[in-house]
Amino acid sequence: MSELHIEQPSDDAGLGDWQHVHNVVIPAHTLSLAEVRERAERNHLEVAYLGDVLVGCSTVRPPAGDSLTATVIARTLPAHRGRGFGTELYARGVDRARELGAKAIETVVLSSNEDGLRFAQKRGFVEIERYLLPGDTIPWVDLRLSSDLPPR
């Protein structure tokens, strides 16, 4: 694999890096640092660096419901796409979801993020819902892994 260093943010600097990637990739739904702190309490967040350079972040929402469905989201800054970093973040997210007991995996992508939609579809995700959140003008796309969890 690459020389990517991935870690769970443990302070405001790390959470700020996660926030930066999120807000660049999803400019239609920017988050404050307070909102990121709240997400870190209920989800597993990670940030990825190549040396000292921030390249991406990920989120794993723990399994929920009778289906034990977890949500795995990998985000890579545009300048660092196509180099396998998103794949590493995604694989770690799936592993984490498994550790938490997930039986199914979903993801969510802003419809304007064509790279993100292609990434998900190449990994076997299929669209299950498209919707607007209150005040949004760009739809979100929920996708579900069309088969069992991928092999390790």
Protein backbone atom coordinates (compact mmCIF):
# COMPACT_ATOMS: atom_id res chain seq x y z
CA MET A 1 0.00 0.00 0.00
CA SER A 2 0.97 3.66 0.06
CA GLU A 3 2.79 5.57 2.77
CA LEU A 4 -0.53 6.90 3.95
CA HIS A 5 -0.85 7.55 7.67
CA ILE A 6 -4.44 7.24 8.95
CA GLU A 7 -5.46 8.14 12.48
CA GLN A 8 -8.49 8.85 14.60
CA PRO A 9 -8.49 12.57 15.46
CA SER A 10 -7.89 13.09 19.18
CA ASP A 11 -7.94 16.88 19.44
CA ASP A 12 -9.35 19.99 17.77
CA ALA A 13 -6.46 20.11 15.28
CA GLY A 14 -7.28 16.61 14.01
CA LEU A 15 -11.01 17.28 14.08
CA GLY A 16 -10.30 20.50 12.19
CA ASP A 17 -8.50 18.51 9.50
CA TRP A 18 -11.48 16.13 9.23
CA GLN A 19 -13.76 19.20 9.04
CA HIS A 20 -11.63 20.74 6.27
CA VAL A 21 -11.84 17.66 4.05
CA HIS A 22 -15.57 17.29 4.67
CA ASN A 23 -16.25 20.94 3.87
CA VAL A 24 -14.14 20.89 0.68
CA VAL A 25 -15.77 17.69 -0.62
CA ILE A 26 -19.27 18.71 0.52
CA PRO A 27 -19.41 22.51 0.11
CA ALA A 28 -23.21 22.44 0.09
CA HIS A 29 -23.30 21.17 3.68
CA THR A 30 -20.39 22.65 5.62
CA LEU A 31 -19.94 21.71 9.26
CA SER A 32 -18.71 23.77 12.20
CA LEU A 33 -16.06 22.39 14.54
CA ALA A 34 -18.77 21.96 17.20
CA GLU A 35 -20.79 19.80 14.77
CA VAL A 36 -17.69 17.72 14.00
CA ARG A 37 -17.06 17.20 17.72
CA GLU A 38 -20.63 15.94 18.09
CA ARG A 39 -20.20 13.55 15.15
CA ALA A 40 -16.99 12.22 16.68
CA GLU A 41 -18.97 11.20 19.77
CA ARG A 42 -21.36 8.95 17.83
CA ASN A 43 -19.28 7.91 14.79
CA HIS A 44 -15.77 6.63 14.12
CA LEU A 45 -13.86 9.40 12.32
CA GLU A 46 -10.40 9.15 10.77
CA VAL A 47 -8.08 11.53 8.90
CA ALA A 48 -5.44 10.53 6.35
CA TYR A 49 -2.07 12.17 5.73
CA LEU A 50 0.69 11.58 3.22
CA GLY A 51 3.62 12.76 5.29
CA ASP A 52 2.40 16.10 6.66
CA VAL A 53 -0.10 16.62 3.85
CA LEU A 54 -3.81 16.12 4.58
CA VAL A 55 -5.35 13.96 1.85
CA GLY A 56 -8.68 12.66 3.15
CA CYS A 57 -11.02 11.58 5.90
CA SER A 58 -13.54 8.89 6.65
CA THR A 59 -16.64 8.25 8.73
CA VAL A 60 -18.13 5.00 9.96
CA ARG A 61 -21.62 5.26 11.36
CA PRO A 62 -22.13 2.23 13.63
CA PRO A 63 -24.54 -0.54 12.59
CA ALA A 64 -28.17 0.22 13.28
CA GLY A 65 -31.58 -1.34 12.85
CA ASP A 66 -32.55 -4.97 12.46
CA SER A 67 -30.32 -5.26 9.40
CA LEU A 68 -27.24 -4.06 11.33
CA THR A 69 -26.42 -1.62 8.54
CA ALA A 70 -23.33 0.56 8.93
CA THR A 71 -22.55 3.59 6.80
CA VAL A 72 -18.99 3.91 5.50
CA ILE A 73 -17.93 7.19 3.90
CA ALA A 74 -14.45 7.83 2.46
CA ARG A 75 -13.54 11.32 1.24
CA THR A 76 -10.38 12.33 -0.62
CA LEU A 77 -9.40 15.90 -1.45
CA PRO A 78 -9.60 16.48 -5.22
CA ALA A 79 -5.84 16.99 -5.65
CA HIS A 80 -5.17 13.53 -4.19
CA ARG A 81 -7.78 11.43 -6.00
CA GLY A 82 -6.91 8.50 -8.24
CA ARG A 83 -3.93 7.41 -6.13
CA GLY A 84 -5.60 4.73 -3.97
CA PHE A 85 -6.08 6.83 -0.83
CA GLY A 86 -9.87 6.59 -0.96
CA THR A 87 -9.58 2.84 -1.41
CA GLU A 88 -7.45 2.57 1.75
CA LEU A 89 -9.85 4.74 3.74
CA TYR A 90 -12.83 2.73 2.46
CA ALA A 91 -11.20 -0.62 3.29
CA ARG A 92 -10.39 0.55 6.83
CA GLY A 93 -13.97 1.77 7.18
CA VAL A 94 -15.39 -1.59 6.12
CA ASP A 95 -13.06 -3.36 8.57
CA ARG A 96 -14.20 -1.03 11.36
CA ALA A 97 -17.87 -1.61 10.44
CA ARG A 98 -17.26 -5.37 10.64
CA GLU A 99 -15.64 -4.97 14.07
CA LEU A 100 -18.80 -3.15 15.16
CA GLY A 101 -21.00 -6.02 13.96
CA ALA A 102 -22.22 -4.71 10.59
CA LYS A 103 -24.03 -7.16 8.33
CA ALA A 104 -24.66 -4.60 5.54
CA ILE A 105 -22.87 -1.49 4.30
CA GLU A 106 -24.29 1.73 2.91
CA THR A 107 -22.71 5.01 1.89
CA VAL A 108 -23.97 8.48 1.05
CA VAL A 109 -22.62 10.81 -1.65
CA LEU A 110 -23.60 14.31 -2.70
CA SER A 111 -24.99 13.89 -6.24
CA SER A 112 -22.68 16.60 -7.61
CA ASN A 113 -19.63 14.55 -6.51
CA GLU A 114 -19.28 12.49 -9.69
CA ASP A 115 -15.91 11.07 -8.56
CA GLY A 116 -17.52 9.84 -5.33
CA LEU A 117 -20.45 8.24 -7.15
CA ARG A 118 -18.10 6.46 -9.58
CA PHE A 119 -15.94 5.30 -6.67
CA ALA A 120 -18.95 3.79 -4.88
CA GLN A 121 -20.38 2.17 -8.01
CA LYS A 122 -17.01 0.57 -8.88
CA ARG A 123 -17.07 -1.07 -5.45
CA GLY A 124 -20.51 -2.60 -5.96
CA PHE A 125 -22.78 0.04 -4.43
CA VAL A 126 -26.18 0.67 -6.02
CA GLU A 127 -28.41 3.68 -5.53
CA ILE A 128 -31.32 3.14 -3.15
CA GLU A 129 -32.54 6.70 -2.58
CA ARG A 130 -32.04 10.27 -3.78
CA TYR A 131 -33.31 13.14 -1.64
CA LEU A 132 -32.94 16.78 -0.63
CA LEU A 133 -32.36 17.84 2.95
CA PRO A 134 -34.23 20.95 4.12
CA GLY A 135 -32.61 24.02 2.57
CA ASP A 136 -30.40 22.00 0.20
CA THR A 137 -30.48 22.38 -3.58
CA ILE A 138 -28.21 19.44 -4.46
CA PRO A 139 -29.59 15.94 -3.84
CA TRP A 140 -27.89 13.34 -1.66
CA VAL A 141 -27.61 9.77 -2.91
CA ASP A 142 -27.83 6.81 -0.53
CA LEU A 143 -26.17 3.69 -1.91
CA ARG A 144 -26.09 0.13 -0.58
CA LEU A 145 -23.47 -2.50 -1.20
CA SER A 146 -25.24 -4.85 -3.59
CA SER A 147 -23.65 -8.02 -2.21
CA ASP A 148 -22.39 -9.33 1.07
CA LEU A 149 -19.57 -7.48 2.77
CA PRO A 150 -16.45 -7.52 0.59
CA PRO A 151 -13.73 -10.02 1.53
CA ARG A 152 -10.86 -8.78 3.67
